[in-house]
Amino acid sequence: TTRRRLCEETMKHLYFASCDVAGGIYHYVLSGEKAVFKEKLSLDRPMYMVIEGKKAYIILRETDRERHFGGLVTCDIDSDGKLVNLTDAVSTNGIVPCHLAVDNGQVWTVNYLSGNIVRMPEKTVTHEGKGVDPVRQDAPHTHFVTVAPDGYLLCCDLGLDTIFTYDKDLNEVSTAKVPNGMGCRHLAFSENSKAVWCVNEMGNTVSIFDYENGRLALRETVDALPDFNGKSTAAAIRRNGKYLYISHRGADSVARFEILPDNGLKLLETTPVGGASPRDFLIVDDLLFCANELTNNVTVLKLSDGRPIKQHDELLMNHPLCICTVDI
């Protein structure tokens, strides 16, 4: 009976995308509070990864050398968490794919330099225009896509300071703007799905939107890095319970906000992550895994009631960009 119970227990599997020519997806298993390495799937510069069910969807930076387009590959996840049955790459129809969303096997990607959003494998919508920053916003730069809880697609365009809402066939439903020059990057939904928080890369701010039926209404924009005077850019945003977290590259920290009853935000503190340029992070139980692109490490911070209190561990790999987890 004891043996059967142990066999039936699920394990947390962690996957880290190492964006290097000799990189790939590093697979770890969480044993207690220790991440134990299992194996690596070799891939050329994976940019982002999403898991749906027992399948992993991975975008690669460049698979078409002539047009410099990226590619989408998929893998099955076996009973041991290993990535198997790697497919050939399907073009993302754009340059520097940086994010993707999956819903019942349908995939949408965004290509940063091409400024487009793609319903894989072939329907493409390309944004037009530019923003106020002549360097970072010289053209559209699509950076993020997600399926909202009500089924609409939300896409951040950093170059246009605009969040686009589409239906799943990429028919435009609405648009909403963050303040000029802020550079909207990634989104997170409130627990009741009535608010959307947008982290703004260039402004190191969070814009709070009310959300209903595919439409966003800007409520306010709050500072996410008020006490830092150097050069820094915001990156990932994730909600975990009653807190919202944002990573900062340059300040090399994670900011923690309390989520207020009206889905407003109160900044609590910022905590150093122990690495440079935290591109992505993920909270698993009471551990925060942080992918530090420039120091080639994933640091693991222990949480106490949601607050990062100390570095707990470190995993080494080149240019980690993305973290995923699944229970098996």
Protein backbone atom coordinates (compact mmCIF):
# COMPACT_ATOMS: atom_id res chain seq x y z
CA THR A 1 0.00 0.00 0.00
CA THR A 2 2.80 2.41 0.90
CA ARG A 3 4.61 1.63 -2.36
CA ARG A 4 1.43 2.19 -4.39
CA ARG A 5 0.76 5.50 -2.62
CA LEU A 6 4.28 6.71 -3.36
CA CYS A 7 3.94 5.73 -7.01
CA GLU A 8 0.68 7.64 -7.28
CA GLU A 9 2.11 10.88 -5.88
CA THR A 10 2.69 13.58 -8.45
CA MET A 11 6.04 15.31 -8.90
CA LYS A 12 6.73 18.86 -9.99
CA HIS A 13 8.77 19.05 -13.17
CA LEU A 14 10.58 22.25 -14.14
CA TYR A 15 11.72 23.28 -17.62
CA PHE A 16 14.14 26.11 -18.39
CA ALA A 17 14.69 27.51 -21.89
CA SER A 18 18.38 28.26 -22.50
CA CYS A 19 18.60 30.67 -25.45
CA ASP A 20 21.99 29.66 -26.78
CA VAL A 21 23.11 28.01 -30.03
CA ALA A 22 24.19 25.07 -27.88
CA GLY A 23 21.26 25.54 -25.52
CA GLY A 24 17.89 23.89 -25.25
CA ILE A 25 15.37 22.92 -22.59
CA TYR A 26 16.78 21.84 -19.21
CA HIS A 27 14.52 19.46 -17.31
CA TYR A 28 14.60 19.33 -13.50
CA VAL A 29 12.45 17.61 -10.87
CA LEU A 30 11.64 19.30 -7.59
CA SER A 31 12.56 17.06 -4.67
CA GLY A 32 11.59 18.83 -1.47
CA GLU A 33 13.16 22.26 -1.94
CA LYS A 34 15.92 21.00 -4.24
CA ALA A 35 15.76 21.08 -8.04
CA VAL A 36 17.40 17.91 -9.37
CA PHE A 37 18.66 17.85 -12.97
CA LYS A 38 17.23 15.11 -15.19
CA GLU A 39 18.24 15.78 -18.80
CA LYS A 40 18.53 18.41 -21.52
CA LEU A 41 16.79 18.57 -24.89
CA SER A 42 19.28 20.27 -27.25
CA LEU A 43 17.73 23.08 -29.30
CA ASP A 44 19.09 26.16 -31.06
CA ARG A 45 18.05 29.29 -29.13
CA PRO A 46 14.63 28.55 -27.66
CA MET A 47 12.92 31.84 -26.82
CA TYR A 48 9.76 30.81 -25.02
CA MET A 49 7.84 27.70 -24.03
CA VAL A 50 4.25 26.88 -23.06
CA ILE A 51 2.90 23.59 -21.72
CA GLU A 52 -0.68 22.51 -22.37
CA GLY A 53 -1.69 19.09 -21.10
CA LYS A 54 1.16 16.68 -21.85
CA LYS A 55 2.57 18.69 -24.75
CA ALA A 56 5.24 21.40 -24.85
CA TYR A 57 5.20 24.18 -27.44
CA ILE A 58 8.55 25.90 -28.01
CA ILE A 59 9.50 28.82 -30.27
CA LEU A 60 13.06 28.99 -31.64
CA ARG A 61 14.69 32.30 -32.50
CA GLU A 62 15.73 31.47 -36.08
CA THR A 63 15.06 28.37 -38.15
CA ASP A 64 14.89 30.02 -41.59
CA ARG A 65 18.39 31.38 -42.23
CA GLU A 66 17.42 33.15 -45.45
CA ARG A 67 14.49 35.17 -44.09
CA HIS A 68 15.66 35.02 -40.45
CA PHE A 69 12.22 33.75 -39.40
CA GLY A 70 11.72 31.79 -36.22
CA GLY A 71 10.12 28.38 -35.84
CA LEU A 72 7.66 26.50 -33.65
CA VAL A 73 8.39 22.95 -32.49
CA THR A 74 6.39 20.70 -30.20
CA CYS A 75 7.21 17.78 -27.92
CA ASP A 76 5.21 15.24 -25.99
CA ILE A 77 5.87 14.94 -22.26
CA ASP A 78 6.23 11.32 -21.18
CA SER A 79 5.37 9.81 -17.79
CA ASP A 80 8.85 10.73 -16.48
CA GLY A 81 8.55 14.34 -17.62
CA LYS A 82 10.99 13.86 -20.49
CA LEU A 83 10.38 15.82 -23.70
CA VAL A 84 10.00 13.31 -26.53
CA ASN A 85 8.79 13.14 -30.16
CA LEU A 86 10.28 16.48 -31.20
CA THR A 87 8.63 17.77 -34.37
CA ASP A 88 10.16 19.66 -37.27
CA ALA A 89 9.98 23.45 -37.02
CA VAL A 90 7.02 25.32 -38.52
CA SER A 91 7.73 28.94 -39.48
CA THR A 92 6.43 31.68 -37.17
CA ASN A 93 6.25 33.98 -40.22
CA GLY A 94 8.35 36.64 -38.60
CA ILE A 95 11.67 37.74 -37.13
CA VAL A 96 12.50 37.17 -33.45
CA PRO A 97 9.47 35.30 -32.14
CA CYS A 98 9.35 36.07 -28.43
CA HIS A 99 6.05 34.81 -27.04
CA LEU A 100 3.22 32.38 -27.73
CA ALA A 101 -0.18 31.31 -26.46
CA VAL A 102 -1.88 27.93 -26.75
CA ASP A 103 -5.55 27.01 -26.43
CA ASN A 104 -6.75 23.45 -27.15
CA GLY A 105 -3.76 22.91 -29.42
CA GLN A 106 -4.23 26.12 -31.42
CA VAL A 107 -1.13 28.32 -31.27
CA TRP A 108 -0.63 32.05 -31.69
CA THR A 109 2.83 33.62 -31.82
CA VAL A 110 4.19 37.16 -31.88
CA ASN A 111 7.34 38.21 -33.73
CA TYR A 112 9.04 41.19 -32.09
CA LEU A 113 10.95 42.67 -35.03
CA SER A 114 8.24 41.95 -37.59
CA GLY A 115 5.57 43.55 -35.39
CA ASN A 116 3.02 40.88 -36.16
CA ILE A 117 0.77 38.31 -34.53
CA VAL A 118 0.27 34.93 -36.18
CA ARG A 119 -2.46 32.32 -35.87
CA MET A 120 -0.28 29.35 -36.63
CA PRO A 121 0.54 28.22 -39.16
CA GLU A 122 -0.29 30.99 -41.60
CA LYS A 123 -2.80 33.74 -40.71
CA THR A 124 -0.78 36.89 -39.99
CA VAL A 125 -1.79 40.38 -38.87
CA THR A 126 0.94 43.03 -39.01
CA HIS A 127 0.66 46.19 -36.94
CA GLU A 128 1.47 49.63 -38.34
CA GLY A 129 2.80 52.86 -36.87
CA LYS A 130 5.40 53.91 -34.32
CA GLY A 131 5.70 55.29 -30.82
CA VAL A 132 7.33 58.33 -29.25
CA ASP A 133 10.74 56.79 -28.54
CA PRO A 134 12.82 57.04 -31.75
CA VAL A 135 15.04 54.09 -30.83
CA ARG A 136 12.83 51.55 -29.08
CA GLN A 137 9.55 52.52 -30.76
CA ASP A 138 10.59 53.16 -34.36
CA ALA A 139 8.11 50.49 -35.50
CA PRO A 140 5.58 48.03 -34.08
CA HIS A 141 7.15 45.46 -31.73
CA THR A 142 4.69 42.76 -30.68
CA HIS A 143 5.93 41.26 -27.42
CA PHE A 144 3.19 39.15 -25.81
CA VAL A 145 0.02 37.24 -26.57
CA THR A 146 -2.37 35.44 -24.23
CA VAL A 147 -5.83 33.93 -24.23
CA ALA A 148 -8.01 35.84 -21.78
CA PRO A 149 -10.33 33.93 -19.43
CA ASP A 150 -13.30 34.93 -21.64
CA GLY A 151 -11.61 33.60 -24.78
CA TYR A 152 -10.34 36.77 -26.42
CA LEU A 153 -6.69 37.23 -27.41
CA LEU A 154 -4.72 40.08 -25.86
CA CYS A 155 -1.50 41.21 -27.54
CA CYS A 156 1.01 43.78 -26.24
CA ASP A 157 2.81 45.96 -28.79
CA LEU A 158 5.75 47.64 -27.07
CA GLY A 159 6.47 49.83 -30.10
CA LEU A 160 2.97 51.31 -30.17
CA ASP A 161 2.24 51.46 -26.40
CA THR A 162 -0.93 49.56 -27.29
CA ILE A 163 -2.73 46.42 -26.14
CA PHE A 164 -4.73 44.88 -28.98
CA THR A 165 -7.72 42.61 -28.38
CA TYR A 166 -8.56 40.05 -31.07
CA ASP A 167 -10.93 37.17 -31.45
CA LYS A 168 -9.28 33.80 -32.05
CA ASP A 169 -9.35 34.34 -35.84
CA LEU A 170 -7.38 37.59 -35.38
CA ASN A 171 -10.27 39.93 -36.08
CA GLU A 172 -9.60 43.10 -34.09
CA VAL A 173 -12.07 43.76 -31.26
CA SER A 174 -10.58 46.75 -29.44
CA THR A 175 -7.38 48.58 -28.51
CA ALA A 176 -6.17 50.31 -25.35
CA LYS A 177 -3.06 52.37 -24.70
CA VAL A 178 -0.61 52.70 -21.85
CA PRO A 179 0.97 56.14 -21.34
CA ASN A 180 3.24 57.20 -24.20
CA GLY A 181 6.77 55.83 -24.09
CA MET A 182 6.07 53.26 -21.39
CA GLY A 183 6.42 50.23 -23.70
CA CYS A 184 3.76 47.68 -22.72
CA ARG A 185 5.37 44.23 -22.41
CA HIS A 186 3.44 41.48 -20.56
CA LEU A 187 0.06 41.06 -18.86
CA ALA A 188 -1.45 39.33 -15.83
CA PHE A 189 -5.13 38.87 -14.94
CA SER A 190 -6.71 39.40 -11.56
CA GLU A 191 -8.28 36.41 -9.84
CA ASN A 192 -11.80 37.61 -10.71
CA SER A 193 -10.72 38.42 -14.32
CA LYS A 194 -12.11 41.95 -13.98
CA ALA A 195 -8.70 43.63 -14.04
CA VAL A 196 -5.57 43.34 -16.15
CA TRP A 197 -2.15 44.46 -14.99
CA CYS A 198 0.30 45.48 -17.72
CA VAL A 199 4.00 45.70 -16.94
CA ASN A 200 5.63 48.46 -18.97
CA GLU A 201 9.20 47.62 -19.90
CA MET A 202 10.54 51.08 -20.66
CA GLY A 203 8.70 52.93 -17.90
CA ASN A 204 9.26 50.40 -15.09
CA THR A 205 5.59 50.84 -14.29
CA VAL A 206 2.37 48.84 -14.06
CA SER A 207 -0.79 50.02 -15.80
CA ILE A 208 -4.02 48.84 -14.19
CA PHE A 209 -6.94 48.24 -16.55
CA ASP A 210 -10.52 47.34 -15.86
CA TYR A 211 -11.52 44.49 -18.18
CA GLU A 212 -14.86 43.30 -19.52
CA ASN A 213 -15.87 41.46 -22.69
CA GLY A 214 -12.63 42.04 -24.58
CA ARG A 215 -12.33 45.71 -23.70
CA LEU A 216 -9.75 47.39 -21.50
CA ALA A 217 -10.20 50.71 -19.68
CA LEU A 218 -7.09 52.31 -18.19
CA ARG A 219 -7.54 53.13 -14.52
CA GLU A 220 -4.07 54.25 -13.45
CA THR A 221 -0.34 53.59 -13.88
CA VAL A 222 1.86 53.04 -10.81
CA ASP A 223 5.62 53.09 -10.35
CA ALA A 224 7.17 49.66 -9.92
CA LEU A 225 10.74 50.82 -9.20
CA PRO A 226 10.54 54.12 -7.32
CA ASP A 227 13.85 54.05 -5.45
CA PHE A 228 16.25 53.09 -8.26
CA ASN A 229 18.12 55.77 -10.19
CA GLY A 230 20.10 53.64 -12.65
CA LYS A 231 19.11 52.18 -16.00
CA SER A 232 16.63 49.35 -15.77
CA THR A 233 13.83 47.74 -17.75
CA ALA A 234 10.89 45.75 -16.42
CA ALA A 235 10.35 42.23 -17.73
CA ALA A 236 8.05 39.53 -16.34
CA ILE A 237 4.81 39.97 -14.39
CA ARG A 238 3.08 37.17 -12.50
CA ARG A 239 0.25 36.96 -9.99
CA ASN A 240 0.55 34.49 -7.14
CA GLY A 241 -2.29 34.50 -4.65
CA LYS A 242 -2.72 37.93 -3.08
CA TYR A 243 0.54 39.28 -4.50
CA LEU A 244 1.77 40.53 -7.86
CA TYR A 245 5.46 40.26 -8.78
CA ILE A 246 7.55 42.07 -11.40
CA SER A 247 11.17 41.48 -12.40
CA HIS A 248 13.55 44.33 -13.21
CA ARG A 249 16.64 44.06 -15.43
CA GLY A 250 19.33 46.52 -14.40
CA ALA A 251 18.04 46.87 -10.87
CA ASP A 252 18.20 43.03 -10.94
CA SER A 253 15.38 42.68 -8.48
CA VAL A 254 11.84 41.43 -8.04
CA ALA A 255 9.19 43.86 -6.86
CA ARG A 256 6.25 42.56 -4.82
CA PHE A 257 2.87 44.29 -4.72
CA GLU A 258 -0.09 43.62 -2.49
CA ILE A 259 -3.26 43.25 -4.55
CA LEU A 260 -5.93 45.46 -3.00
CA PRO A 261 -9.65 44.54 -2.84
CA ASP A 262 -10.41 46.70 -5.90
CA ASN A 263 -7.45 45.10 -7.79
CA GLY A 264 -5.34 48.17 -7.19
CA LEU A 265 -1.71 47.71 -6.16
CA LYS A 266 0.45 48.62 -3.17
CA LEU A 267 4.21 48.21 -3.56
CA LEU A 268 5.63 46.29 -0.60
CA GLU A 269 9.34 45.88 -1.37
CA THR A 270 11.95 45.01 -3.97
CA THR A 271 14.41 42.15 -3.45
CA PRO A 272 17.72 41.42 -5.25
CA VAL A 273 17.50 38.19 -7.25
CA GLY A 274 21.18 37.19 -7.16
CA GLY A 275 21.77 37.47 -10.90
CA ALA A 276 21.81 39.97 -13.77
CA SER A 277 18.89 40.69 -16.08
CA PRO A 278 16.04 38.58 -14.66
CA ARG A 279 14.07 37.86 -17.85
CA ASP A 280 11.47 35.48 -16.40
CA PHE A 281 10.54 33.97 -13.06
CA LEU A 282 8.10 31.42 -11.71
CA ILE A 283 6.80 30.71 -8.22
CA VAL A 284 6.44 27.05 -7.27
CA ASP A 285 5.12 26.44 -3.75
CA ASP A 286 7.26 28.75 -1.60
CA LEU A 287 10.20 28.97 -4.01
CA LEU A 288 10.78 31.67 -6.64
CA PHE A 289 12.84 30.52 -9.63
CA CYS A 290 14.41 33.45 -11.49
CA ALA A 291 15.99 33.18 -14.97
CA ASN A 292 18.91 35.62 -15.13
CA GLU A 293 19.85 36.04 -18.77
CA LEU A 294 23.22 37.77 -18.43
CA THR A 295 24.75 35.82 -15.53
CA ASN A 296 23.81 32.43 -17.01
CA ASN A 297 22.04 31.24 -13.89
CA VAL A 298 18.65 30.51 -12.43
CA THR A 299 18.53 31.61 -8.83
CA VAL A 300 16.06 30.10 -6.37
CA LEU A 301 14.70 32.40 -3.67
CA LYS A 302 12.90 31.19 -0.57
CA LEU A 303 9.58 32.91 0.15
CA SER A 304 8.09 33.69 3.53
CA ASP A 305 4.38 34.58 3.30
CA GLY A 306 5.07 35.62 -0.29
CA ARG A 307 8.14 37.73 0.47
CA PRO A 308 11.48 36.67 -1.07
CA ILE A 309 13.85 36.47 1.88
CA LYS A 310 17.04 34.75 0.73
CA GLN A 311 18.72 32.94 -2.12
CA HIS A 312 18.15 29.24 -1.62
CA ASP A 313 19.95 27.65 -4.58
CA GLU A 314 21.42 28.27 -8.05
CA LEU A 315 21.15 26.39 -11.36
CA LEU A 316 23.67 27.07 -14.12
CA MET A 317 22.83 27.34 -17.83
CA ASN A 318 23.51 29.80 -20.67
CA HIS A 319 21.05 32.66 -21.16
CA PRO A 320 17.94 31.30 -19.44
CA LEU A 321 14.84 33.11 -20.75
CA CYS A 322 11.75 31.15 -19.75
CA ILE A 323 10.51 28.80 -17.02
CA CYS A 324 7.62 26.31 -17.12
CA THR A 325 6.33 23.70 -14.72
CA VAL A 326 3.97 20.74 -14.82
CA ASP A 327 2.85 18.16 -12.27
CA ILE A 328 3.16 14.51 -13.31
